[in-house]
Amino acid sequence: MRKTLIMFSTAMLFSVAATAATGPAEVKLTWQNPEKYTDIRPGTGTKKAYQQKVIKAFDKMWAEFAEKLPAGYKFEVVITDLDLAGDVEPMYSGAGRTMNDIRVVKDIYFPKMNLDYVLYDANNVEVAKGTAVKIKDMGFMQSGSLGHNSREFGYEQHMLEKWFEKEVLPKVQTTAAKS
């Protein structure tokens, strides 16, 4: 009985240790002075409410990227600037010439994001690092991928997905191959 209890306790200990090292990847986003970003302006509504909406949507995007990382990895990102696709311009309507703003999306207003990042593996060893990284998609309207223009922040999501798959994931794969 005692031998069975010791084996069970040992198995539980290894199980807990394995779970700690194989939990889902974690992403930590820091939005540095979003009120000073190049373009995070709403077409309608308040700037503060729109800023919160943008941050919530981008937090969700980054969480989806973390799902592509190996278990136990940690991805820390500091967003230093954001310029959404399009530009906010005044729109006049009716005989009373009331003014509203509208986001106009043209290829000259391409999405951009600046950030710093560090990626750690499950042992908290630095795998990749980027400082003052500038991400942009000047051909966002000709990318050929259907669907991102029909969802909010779709151009930005597509831009970040391409960057993540080109710059971050290969470093993860290189690290895994060395192990």
N, C-alpha and C. Protein backbone atom coordinates (compact mmCIF):
# COMPACT_ATOMS: atom_id res chain seq x y z
N MET A 1 0.83 -1.20 0.00
CA MET A 1 0.00 0.00 0.00
C MET A 1 0.87 1.25 0.00
N ARG A 2 1.90 1.24 0.84
CA ARG A 2 2.79 2.41 0.94
C ARG A 2 3.50 2.63 -0.40
N LYS A 3 3.93 1.55 -1.03
CA LYS A 3 4.62 1.64 -2.31
C LYS A 3 3.70 2.24 -3.38
N THR A 4 2.43 1.85 -3.38
CA THR A 4 1.45 2.39 -4.31
C THR A 4 1.24 3.88 -4.06
N LEU A 5 1.18 4.27 -2.80
CA LEU A 5 0.99 5.68 -2.44
C LEU A 5 2.18 6.52 -2.90
N ILE A 6 3.38 6.01 -2.73
CA ILE A 6 4.58 6.73 -3.17
C ILE A 6 4.58 6.87 -4.69
N MET A 7 4.25 5.81 -5.40
CA MET A 7 4.21 5.86 -6.86
C MET A 7 3.14 6.84 -7.34
N PHE A 8 1.98 6.84 -6.67
CA PHE A 8 0.90 7.75 -7.03
C PHE A 8 1.34 9.19 -6.78
N SER A 9 1.97 9.47 -5.64
CA SER A 9 2.44 10.82 -5.31
C SER A 9 3.49 11.29 -6.31
N THR A 10 4.41 10.41 -6.68
CA THR A 10 5.44 10.75 -7.66
C THR A 10 4.81 11.05 -9.01
N ALA A 11 3.85 10.25 -9.42
CA ALA A 11 3.16 10.46 -10.69
C ALA A 11 2.42 11.80 -10.68
N MET A 12 1.79 12.12 -9.59
CA MET A 12 1.07 13.40 -9.47
C MET A 12 2.05 14.57 -9.55
N LEU A 13 3.20 14.46 -8.91
CA LEU A 13 4.21 15.51 -8.92
C LEU A 13 4.68 15.75 -10.36
N PHE A 14 4.99 14.68 -11.10
CA PHE A 14 5.41 14.84 -12.48
C PHE A 14 4.29 15.41 -13.34
N SER A 15 3.08 15.01 -13.07
CA SER A 15 1.93 15.52 -13.81
C SER A 15 1.78 17.02 -13.61
N VAL A 16 1.90 17.50 -12.38
CA VAL A 16 1.79 18.94 -12.09
C VAL A 16 2.93 19.68 -12.76
N ALA A 17 4.15 19.17 -12.70
CA ALA A 17 5.30 19.82 -13.33
C ALA A 17 5.12 19.89 -14.85
N ALA A 18 4.62 18.83 -15.45
CA ALA A 18 4.41 18.82 -16.89
C ALA A 18 3.32 19.81 -17.29
N THR A 19 2.27 19.90 -16.50
CA THR A 19 1.19 20.83 -16.79
C THR A 19 1.70 22.27 -16.71
N ALA A 20 2.53 22.57 -15.73
CA ALA A 20 3.06 23.92 -15.59
C ALA A 20 3.89 24.31 -16.80
N ALA A 21 4.63 23.38 -17.38
CA ALA A 21 5.50 23.68 -18.50
C ALA A 21 4.77 23.61 -19.84
N THR A 22 3.59 23.00 -19.88
CA THR A 22 2.90 22.84 -21.15
C THR A 22 1.59 23.60 -21.22
N GLY A 23 1.38 24.54 -20.33
CA GLY A 23 0.17 25.35 -20.39
C GLY A 23 0.18 26.20 -21.65
N PRO A 24 -0.92 26.82 -21.99
CA PRO A 24 -0.98 27.61 -23.22
C PRO A 24 0.00 28.78 -23.17
N ALA A 25 0.42 29.22 -24.36
CA ALA A 25 1.31 30.38 -24.45
C ALA A 25 0.58 31.61 -23.91
N GLU A 26 1.35 32.51 -23.37
CA GLU A 26 0.79 33.72 -22.75
C GLU A 26 1.25 34.94 -23.55
N VAL A 27 0.35 35.89 -23.75
CA VAL A 27 0.72 37.14 -24.39
C VAL A 27 0.41 38.28 -23.43
N LYS A 28 1.37 39.18 -23.30
CA LYS A 28 1.19 40.36 -22.44
C LYS A 28 1.36 41.59 -23.32
N LEU A 29 0.28 42.34 -23.49
CA LEU A 29 0.31 43.55 -24.30
C LEU A 29 0.37 44.78 -23.42
N THR A 30 1.19 45.73 -23.83
CA THR A 30 1.24 47.03 -23.17
C THR A 30 0.98 48.08 -24.24
N TRP A 31 -0.02 48.90 -24.02
CA TRP A 31 -0.37 49.97 -24.95
C TRP A 31 0.27 51.25 -24.42
N GLN A 32 1.38 51.67 -25.02
CA GLN A 32 2.13 52.82 -24.53
C GLN A 32 1.56 54.12 -25.12
N ASN A 33 0.97 54.93 -24.27
CA ASN A 33 0.40 56.24 -24.64
C ASN A 33 -0.49 56.19 -25.88
N PRO A 34 -1.57 55.40 -25.86
CA PRO A 34 -2.41 55.29 -27.06
C PRO A 34 -3.05 56.62 -27.48
N GLU A 35 -3.19 57.54 -26.55
CA GLU A 35 -3.77 58.84 -26.90
C GLU A 35 -2.85 59.63 -27.85
N LYS A 36 -1.59 59.23 -27.97
CA LYS A 36 -0.64 59.90 -28.85
C LYS A 36 -0.39 59.15 -30.15
N TYR A 37 -1.11 58.07 -30.38
CA TYR A 37 -0.91 57.29 -31.60
C TYR A 37 -1.26 58.11 -32.83
N THR A 38 -0.66 57.76 -33.95
CA THR A 38 -0.87 58.49 -35.20
C THR A 38 -2.35 58.54 -35.59
N ASP A 39 -3.02 57.38 -35.58
CA ASP A 39 -4.44 57.36 -35.97
C ASP A 39 -5.17 56.24 -35.26
N ILE A 40 -5.92 56.65 -34.26
CA ILE A 40 -6.83 55.73 -33.56
C ILE A 40 -8.13 56.51 -33.32
N ARG A 41 -8.50 57.28 -34.38
CA ARG A 41 -9.66 58.17 -34.29
C ARG A 41 -10.91 57.50 -34.84
N PRO A 42 -12.05 57.81 -34.22
CA PRO A 42 -13.32 57.23 -34.71
C PRO A 42 -13.92 58.06 -35.83
N GLY A 43 -14.72 57.40 -36.65
CA GLY A 43 -15.52 58.14 -37.62
C GLY A 43 -16.67 58.81 -36.89
N THR A 44 -17.28 58.08 -35.97
CA THR A 44 -18.36 58.61 -35.14
C THR A 44 -18.13 58.14 -33.71
N GLY A 45 -18.72 58.82 -32.77
CA GLY A 45 -18.58 58.43 -31.37
C GLY A 45 -17.41 59.15 -30.71
N THR A 46 -17.19 58.81 -29.46
CA THR A 46 -16.14 59.48 -28.71
C THR A 46 -14.79 58.81 -28.94
N LYS A 47 -13.75 59.58 -28.84
CA LYS A 47 -12.40 59.07 -29.06
C LYS A 47 -12.03 58.02 -28.02
N LYS A 48 -12.40 58.25 -26.75
CA LYS A 48 -12.06 57.33 -25.68
C LYS A 48 -12.76 55.97 -25.87
N ALA A 49 -14.04 55.99 -26.21
CA ALA A 49 -14.79 54.75 -26.43
C ALA A 49 -14.22 53.98 -27.62
N TYR A 50 -13.86 54.70 -28.68
CA TYR A 50 -13.30 54.05 -29.86
C TYR A 50 -11.92 53.45 -29.55
N GLN A 51 -11.14 54.19 -28.79
CA GLN A 51 -9.82 53.70 -28.39
C GLN A 51 -9.94 52.40 -27.61
N GLN A 52 -10.91 52.33 -26.69
CA GLN A 52 -11.14 51.10 -25.92
C GLN A 52 -11.58 49.96 -26.83
N LYS A 53 -12.41 50.27 -27.82
CA LYS A 53 -12.87 49.26 -28.79
C LYS A 53 -11.69 48.72 -29.60
N VAL A 54 -10.81 49.60 -30.04
CA VAL A 54 -9.63 49.18 -30.81
C VAL A 54 -8.73 48.30 -29.96
N ILE A 55 -8.45 48.73 -28.75
CA ILE A 55 -7.58 47.96 -27.86
C ILE A 55 -8.15 46.58 -27.59
N LYS A 56 -9.45 46.50 -27.35
CA LYS A 56 -10.09 45.21 -27.09
C LYS A 56 -9.96 44.30 -28.32
N ALA A 57 -10.20 44.83 -29.51
CA ALA A 57 -10.11 44.04 -30.74
C ALA A 57 -8.67 43.56 -30.98
N PHE A 58 -7.70 44.42 -30.76
CA PHE A 58 -6.30 44.04 -30.97
C PHE A 58 -5.82 43.07 -29.89
N ASP A 59 -6.30 43.22 -28.67
CA ASP A 59 -5.96 42.25 -27.62
C ASP A 59 -6.40 40.86 -28.03
N LYS A 60 -7.57 40.77 -28.64
CA LYS A 60 -8.09 39.48 -29.10
C LYS A 60 -7.22 38.92 -30.23
N MET A 61 -6.79 39.79 -31.16
CA MET A 61 -5.92 39.35 -32.25
C MET A 61 -4.63 38.75 -31.71
N TRP A 62 -4.00 39.47 -30.77
CA TRP A 62 -2.73 39.00 -30.21
C TRP A 62 -2.91 37.71 -29.43
N ALA A 63 -4.05 37.54 -28.78
CA ALA A 63 -4.33 36.28 -28.08
C ALA A 63 -4.41 35.12 -29.08
N GLU A 64 -4.96 35.38 -30.26
CA GLU A 64 -5.02 34.36 -31.31
C GLU A 64 -3.61 34.01 -31.80
N PHE A 65 -2.73 34.99 -31.89
CA PHE A 65 -1.34 34.72 -32.28
C PHE A 65 -0.67 33.84 -31.23
N ALA A 66 -0.93 34.10 -29.96
CA ALA A 66 -0.33 33.32 -28.88
C ALA A 66 -0.73 31.85 -28.96
N GLU A 67 -1.92 31.58 -29.49
CA GLU A 67 -2.38 30.20 -29.65
C GLU A 67 -1.50 29.42 -30.64
N LYS A 68 -0.79 30.13 -31.52
CA LYS A 68 0.08 29.48 -32.50
C LYS A 68 1.47 29.18 -31.92
N LEU A 69 1.73 29.67 -30.73
CA LEU A 69 3.03 29.44 -30.09
C LEU A 69 3.01 28.15 -29.29
N PRO A 70 4.19 27.55 -29.08
CA PRO A 70 4.23 26.33 -28.27
C PRO A 70 3.76 26.61 -26.84
N ALA A 71 3.28 25.56 -26.21
CA ALA A 71 2.81 25.67 -24.83
C ALA A 71 3.93 26.17 -23.93
N GLY A 72 3.57 27.05 -23.00
CA GLY A 72 4.52 27.55 -22.03
C GLY A 72 5.28 28.78 -22.47
N TYR A 73 5.18 29.16 -23.75
CA TYR A 73 5.89 30.35 -24.23
C TYR A 73 5.23 31.61 -23.69
N LYS A 74 5.99 32.69 -23.63
CA LYS A 74 5.47 33.99 -23.18
C LYS A 74 5.90 35.04 -24.20
N PHE A 75 4.94 35.82 -24.66
CA PHE A 75 5.16 36.83 -25.68
C PHE A 75 4.79 38.18 -25.09
N GLU A 76 5.78 39.05 -24.91
CA GLU A 76 5.54 40.38 -24.35
C GLU A 76 5.68 41.41 -25.46
N VAL A 77 4.64 42.21 -25.64
CA VAL A 77 4.61 43.19 -26.73
C VAL A 77 4.25 44.56 -26.16
N VAL A 78 5.04 45.58 -26.54
CA VAL A 78 4.74 46.97 -26.18
C VAL A 78 4.41 47.69 -27.48
N ILE A 79 3.17 48.12 -27.62
CA ILE A 79 2.74 48.82 -28.83
C ILE A 79 3.01 50.31 -28.61
N THR A 80 3.82 50.89 -29.50
CA THR A 80 4.24 52.28 -29.33
C THR A 80 3.53 53.24 -30.29
N ASP A 81 2.96 52.70 -31.38
CA ASP A 81 2.20 53.56 -32.30
C ASP A 81 1.29 52.68 -33.15
N LEU A 82 0.18 53.26 -33.55
CA LEU A 82 -0.78 52.58 -34.42
C LEU A 82 -1.37 53.59 -35.38
N ASP A 83 -1.43 53.21 -36.63
CA ASP A 83 -2.06 54.02 -37.67
C ASP A 83 -3.00 53.08 -38.42
N LEU A 84 -4.28 53.20 -38.16
CA LEU A 84 -5.27 52.31 -38.77
C LEU A 84 -5.38 52.56 -40.28
N ALA A 85 -5.81 51.55 -41.01
CA ALA A 85 -6.05 51.71 -42.44
C ALA A 85 -7.11 52.79 -42.64
N GLY A 86 -6.91 53.62 -43.64
CA GLY A 86 -7.85 54.69 -43.92
C GLY A 86 -7.50 55.96 -43.18
N ASP A 87 -8.34 56.96 -43.38
CA ASP A 87 -8.15 58.25 -42.73
C ASP A 87 -9.53 58.81 -42.41
N VAL A 88 -9.63 59.49 -41.29
CA VAL A 88 -10.91 60.08 -40.89
C VAL A 88 -11.03 61.46 -41.53
N GLU A 89 -12.12 61.63 -42.28
CA GLU A 89 -12.35 62.88 -42.99
C GLU A 89 -13.77 63.38 -42.70
N PRO A 90 -13.98 64.71 -42.79
CA PRO A 90 -15.32 65.24 -42.56
C PRO A 90 -16.26 64.87 -43.71
N MET A 91 -17.52 64.64 -43.34
CA MET A 91 -18.55 64.34 -44.33
C MET A 91 -19.71 65.29 -44.06
N TYR A 92 -20.11 66.03 -45.07
CA TYR A 92 -21.22 66.95 -44.94
C TYR A 92 -22.48 66.30 -45.46
N SER A 93 -23.59 66.58 -44.78
CA SER A 93 -24.84 65.97 -45.25
C SER A 93 -25.98 66.97 -45.15
N GLY A 94 -26.88 66.89 -46.09
CA GLY A 94 -28.12 67.67 -46.06
C GLY A 94 -27.94 69.16 -46.31
N ALA A 95 -29.09 69.82 -46.39
CA ALA A 95 -29.10 71.25 -46.67
C ALA A 95 -28.56 72.04 -45.49
N GLY A 96 -28.72 71.50 -44.27
CA GLY A 96 -28.23 72.19 -43.08
C GLY A 96 -26.73 72.05 -42.92
N ARG A 97 -26.11 71.29 -43.81
CA ARG A 97 -24.66 71.09 -43.83
C ARG A 97 -24.11 70.64 -42.47
N THR A 98 -24.80 69.66 -41.86
CA THR A 98 -24.27 69.10 -40.62
C THR A 98 -23.03 68.28 -40.95
N MET A 99 -22.10 68.28 -40.02
CA MET A 99 -20.84 67.61 -40.30
C MET A 99 -20.67 66.38 -39.41
N ASN A 100 -20.33 65.28 -40.02
CA ASN A 100 -19.95 64.05 -39.34
C ASN A 100 -18.59 63.63 -39.89
N ASP A 101 -17.90 62.78 -39.18
CA ASP A 101 -16.64 62.25 -39.69
C ASP A 101 -16.87 60.83 -40.19
N ILE A 102 -16.07 60.43 -41.17
CA ILE A 102 -16.17 59.10 -41.74
C ILE A 102 -14.75 58.61 -42.04
N ARG A 103 -14.52 57.32 -41.83
CA ARG A 103 -13.21 56.73 -42.17
C ARG A 103 -13.25 56.34 -43.64
N VAL A 104 -12.35 56.93 -44.41
CA VAL A 104 -12.23 56.66 -45.83
C VAL A 104 -11.00 55.77 -46.03
N VAL A 105 -11.22 54.61 -46.63
CA VAL A 105 -10.12 53.67 -46.84
C VAL A 105 -9.68 53.76 -48.30
N LYS A 106 -8.44 54.19 -48.49
CA LYS A 106 -7.80 54.25 -49.81
C LYS A 106 -6.41 53.64 -49.65
N ASP A 107 -5.86 53.22 -50.78
CA ASP A 107 -4.55 52.56 -50.70
C ASP A 107 -3.43 53.47 -50.19
N ILE A 108 -3.59 54.77 -50.25
CA ILE A 108 -2.54 55.66 -49.73
C ILE A 108 -2.56 55.75 -48.20
N TYR A 109 -3.64 55.28 -47.58
CA TYR A 109 -3.76 55.29 -46.12
C TYR A 109 -3.58 53.86 -45.59
N PHE A 110 -2.40 53.31 -45.73
CA PHE A 110 -2.15 51.91 -45.35
C PHE A 110 -1.93 51.78 -43.84
N PRO A 111 -2.23 50.60 -43.29
CA PRO A 111 -2.08 50.39 -41.85
C PRO A 111 -0.60 50.26 -41.45
N LYS A 112 -0.30 50.76 -40.24
CA LYS A 112 1.06 50.70 -39.70
C LYS A 112 0.99 50.49 -38.19
N MET A 113 2.00 49.82 -37.68
CA MET A 113 2.11 49.64 -36.23
C MET A 113 3.59 49.60 -35.86
N ASN A 114 3.94 50.26 -34.77
CA ASN A 114 5.30 50.20 -34.23
C ASN A 114 5.23 49.50 -32.89
N LEU A 115 6.22 48.65 -32.63
CA LEU A 115 6.21 47.91 -31.37
C LEU A 115 7.60 47.41 -30.99
N ASP A 116 7.71 47.01 -29.74
CA ASP A 116 8.86 46.29 -29.21
C ASP A 116 8.30 44.95 -28.73
N TYR A 117 9.12 43.89 -28.82
CA TYR A 117 8.64 42.60 -28.33
C TYR A 117 9.78 41.74 -27.84
N VAL A 118 9.44 40.81 -26.96
CA VAL A 118 10.35 39.77 -26.49
C VAL A 118 9.53 38.48 -26.41
N LEU A 119 10.10 37.41 -26.92
CA LEU A 119 9.46 36.10 -26.88
C LEU A 119 10.34 35.17 -26.04
N TYR A 120 9.73 34.54 -25.04
CA TYR A 120 10.43 33.61 -24.15
C TYR A 120 9.87 32.21 -24.35
N ASP A 121 10.76 31.21 -24.24
CA ASP A 121 10.29 29.83 -24.33
C ASP A 121 9.76 29.37 -22.97
N ALA A 122 9.40 28.10 -22.87
CA ALA A 122 8.80 27.57 -21.65
C ALA A 122 9.77 27.58 -20.46
N ASN A 123 11.07 27.69 -20.75
CA ASN A 123 12.08 27.76 -19.68
C ASN A 123 12.47 29.20 -19.36
N ASN A 124 11.71 30.16 -19.90
CA ASN A 124 11.92 31.59 -19.71
C ASN A 124 13.24 32.07 -20.33
N VAL A 125 13.68 31.40 -21.39
CA VAL A 125 14.86 31.78 -22.14
C VAL A 125 14.40 32.62 -23.34
N GLU A 126 15.06 33.74 -23.58
CA GLU A 126 14.69 34.62 -24.68
C GLU A 126 14.92 33.92 -26.02
N VAL A 127 13.88 33.86 -26.83
CA VAL A 127 13.92 33.22 -28.14
C VAL A 127 14.07 34.26 -29.24
N ALA A 128 13.38 35.37 -29.10
CA ALA A 128 13.40 36.42 -30.11
C ALA A 128 13.13 37.77 -29.44
N LYS A 129 13.66 38.82 -30.07
CA LYS A 129 13.48 40.16 -29.53
C LYS A 129 13.49 41.16 -30.68
N GLY A 130 12.65 42.16 -30.58
CA GLY A 130 12.62 43.23 -31.57
C GLY A 130 12.40 44.56 -30.89
N THR A 131 13.18 45.56 -31.28
CA THR A 131 13.05 46.90 -30.71
C THR A 131 12.76 47.87 -31.84
N ALA A 132 11.81 48.75 -31.62
CA ALA A 132 11.40 49.76 -32.61
C ALA A 132 11.04 49.10 -33.95
N VAL A 133 10.29 48.01 -33.88
CA VAL A 133 9.86 47.27 -35.07
C VAL A 133 8.74 48.07 -35.74
N LYS A 134 8.89 48.28 -37.04
CA LYS A 134 7.89 49.01 -37.82
C LYS A 134 7.23 48.02 -38.78
N ILE A 135 5.93 47.84 -38.58
CA ILE A 135 5.16 46.92 -39.42
C ILE A 135 4.20 47.75 -40.26
N LYS A 136 4.17 47.49 -41.55
CA LYS A 136 3.24 48.20 -42.43
C LYS A 136 2.86 47.31 -43.59
N ASP A 137 1.72 47.63 -44.19
CA ASP A 137 1.26 46.88 -45.35
C ASP A 137 0.80 47.87 -46.41
N MET A 138 1.77 48.29 -47.23
CA MET A 138 1.48 49.30 -48.25
C MET A 138 0.58 48.75 -49.36
N GLY A 139 0.53 47.45 -49.53
CA GLY A 139 -0.32 46.85 -50.57
C GLY A 139 -1.55 46.18 -49.98
N PHE A 140 -2.04 46.72 -48.87
CA PHE A 140 -3.14 46.07 -48.15
C PHE A 140 -4.41 45.90 -48.97
N MET A 141 -4.64 46.76 -49.93
CA MET A 141 -5.87 46.65 -50.73
C MET A 141 -5.71 45.69 -51.91
N GLN A 142 -4.49 45.28 -52.21
CA GLN A 142 -4.24 44.37 -53.32
C GLN A 142 -3.73 43.01 -52.85
N SER A 143 -3.90 42.71 -51.58
CA SER A 143 -3.31 41.48 -51.04
C SER A 143 -3.95 40.21 -51.59
N GLY A 144 -5.14 40.30 -52.16
CA GLY A 144 -5.77 39.14 -52.75
C GLY A 144 -6.48 38.24 -51.76
N SER A 145 -6.32 38.48 -50.48
CA SER A 145 -6.98 37.65 -49.48
C SER A 145 -8.37 38.21 -49.22
N LEU A 146 -9.36 37.42 -49.53
CA LEU A 146 -10.74 37.88 -49.36
C LEU A 146 -11.15 37.88 -47.90
N GLY A 147 -11.99 38.79 -47.55
CA GLY A 147 -12.60 38.76 -46.23
C GLY A 147 -12.11 39.79 -45.25
N HIS A 148 -10.84 40.21 -45.33
CA HIS A 148 -10.42 41.14 -44.29
C HIS A 148 -10.99 42.53 -44.47
N ASN A 149 -11.40 42.90 -45.66
CA ASN A 149 -12.00 44.22 -45.81
C ASN A 149 -13.44 44.25 -45.34
N SER A 150 -14.03 43.09 -45.06
CA SER A 150 -15.42 43.06 -44.62
C SER A 150 -15.54 42.98 -43.09
N ARG A 151 -14.43 42.85 -42.38
CA ARG A 151 -14.50 42.82 -40.92
C ARG A 151 -13.70 43.99 -40.35
N GLU A 152 -14.14 44.45 -39.22
CA GLU A 152 -13.49 45.60 -38.59
C GLU A 152 -12.05 45.26 -38.24
N PHE A 153 -11.14 46.14 -38.58
CA PHE A 153 -9.69 46.00 -38.36
C PHE A 153 -9.12 44.80 -39.10
N GLY A 154 -9.79 44.37 -40.14
CA GLY A 154 -9.34 43.22 -40.92
C GLY A 154 -8.02 43.48 -41.63
N TYR A 155 -7.83 44.69 -42.14
CA TYR A 155 -6.56 45.01 -42.81
C TYR A 155 -5.40 44.94 -41.82
N GLU A 156 -5.64 45.47 -40.64
CA GLU A 156 -4.59 45.45 -39.61
C GLU A 156 -4.30 44.02 -39.16
N GLN A 157 -5.34 43.22 -39.01
CA GLN A 157 -5.16 41.83 -38.59
C GLN A 157 -4.35 41.07 -39.64
N HIS A 158 -4.67 41.26 -40.90
CA HIS A 158 -3.95 40.59 -41.97
C HIS A 158 -2.48 41.02 -41.96
N MET A 159 -2.23 42.31 -41.78
CA MET A 159 -0.87 42.84 -41.73
C MET A 159 -0.08 42.18 -40.59
N LEU A 160 -0.69 42.09 -39.42
CA LEU A 160 -0.02 41.50 -38.26
C LEU A 160 0.17 39.99 -38.41
N GLU A 161 -0.80 39.31 -38.99
CA GLU A 161 -0.66 37.87 -39.23
C GLU A 161 0.53 37.59 -40.14
N LYS A 162 0.66 38.37 -41.23
CA LYS A 162 1.78 38.18 -42.16
C LYS A 162 3.11 38.41 -41.43
N TRP A 163 3.19 39.47 -40.63
CA TRP A 163 4.41 39.76 -39.88
C TRP A 163 4.72 38.63 -38.90
N PHE A 164 3.72 38.20 -38.14
CA PHE A 164 3.91 37.17 -37.12
C PHE A 164 4.41 35.86 -37.76
N GLU A 165 3.79 35.48 -38.86
CA GLU A 165 4.16 34.23 -39.53
C GLU A 165 5.54 34.32 -40.20
N LYS A 166 5.93 35.51 -40.63
CA LYS A 166 7.22 35.69 -41.30
C LYS A 166 8.37 35.90 -40.31
N GLU A 167 8.11 36.65 -39.23
CA GLU A 167 9.18 37.06 -38.33
C GLU A 167 9.26 36.27 -37.03
N VAL A 168 8.14 35.92 -36.44
CA VAL A 168 8.15 35.30 -35.11
C VAL A 168 8.16 33.78 -35.19
N LEU A 169 7.21 33.20 -35.91
CA LEU A 169 7.11 31.74 -35.96
C LEU A 169 8.38 31.04 -36.44
N PRO A 170 9.09 31.55 -37.45
CA PRO A 170 10.33 30.87 -37.84
C PRO A 170 11.38 30.82 -36.71
N LYS A 171 11.42 31.83 -35.87
CA LYS A 171 12.36 31.83 -34.74
C LYS A 171 11.97 30.76 -33.71
N VAL A 172 10.67 30.54 -33.57
CA VAL A 172 10.19 29.50 -32.66
C VAL A 172 10.59 28.13 -33.21
N GLN A 173 10.39 27.95 -34.51
CA GLN A 173 10.73 26.68 -35.15
C GLN A 173 12.23 26.41 -35.11
N THR A 174 13.05 27.44 -35.28
CA THR A 174 14.50 27.29 -35.20
C THR A 174 14.92 26.88 -33.80
N THR A 175 14.31 27.48 -32.79
CA THR A 175 14.61 27.14 -31.39
C THR A 175 14.19 25.72 -31.09
N ALA A 176 13.02 25.32 -31.59
CA ALA A 176 12.53 23.95 -31.35
C ALA A 176 13.43 22.93 -32.03
N ALA A 177 13.97 23.26 -33.19
CA ALA A 177 14.86 22.33 -33.91
C ALA A 177 16.18 22.13 -33.17
N LYS A 178 16.63 23.16 -32.46
CA LYS A 178 17.88 23.06 -31.68
C LYS A 178 17.72 22.19 -30.45
N SER A 179 16.49 22.12 -29.94
CA SER A 179 16.24 21.36 -28.69
C SER A 179 16.35 19.88 -28.88
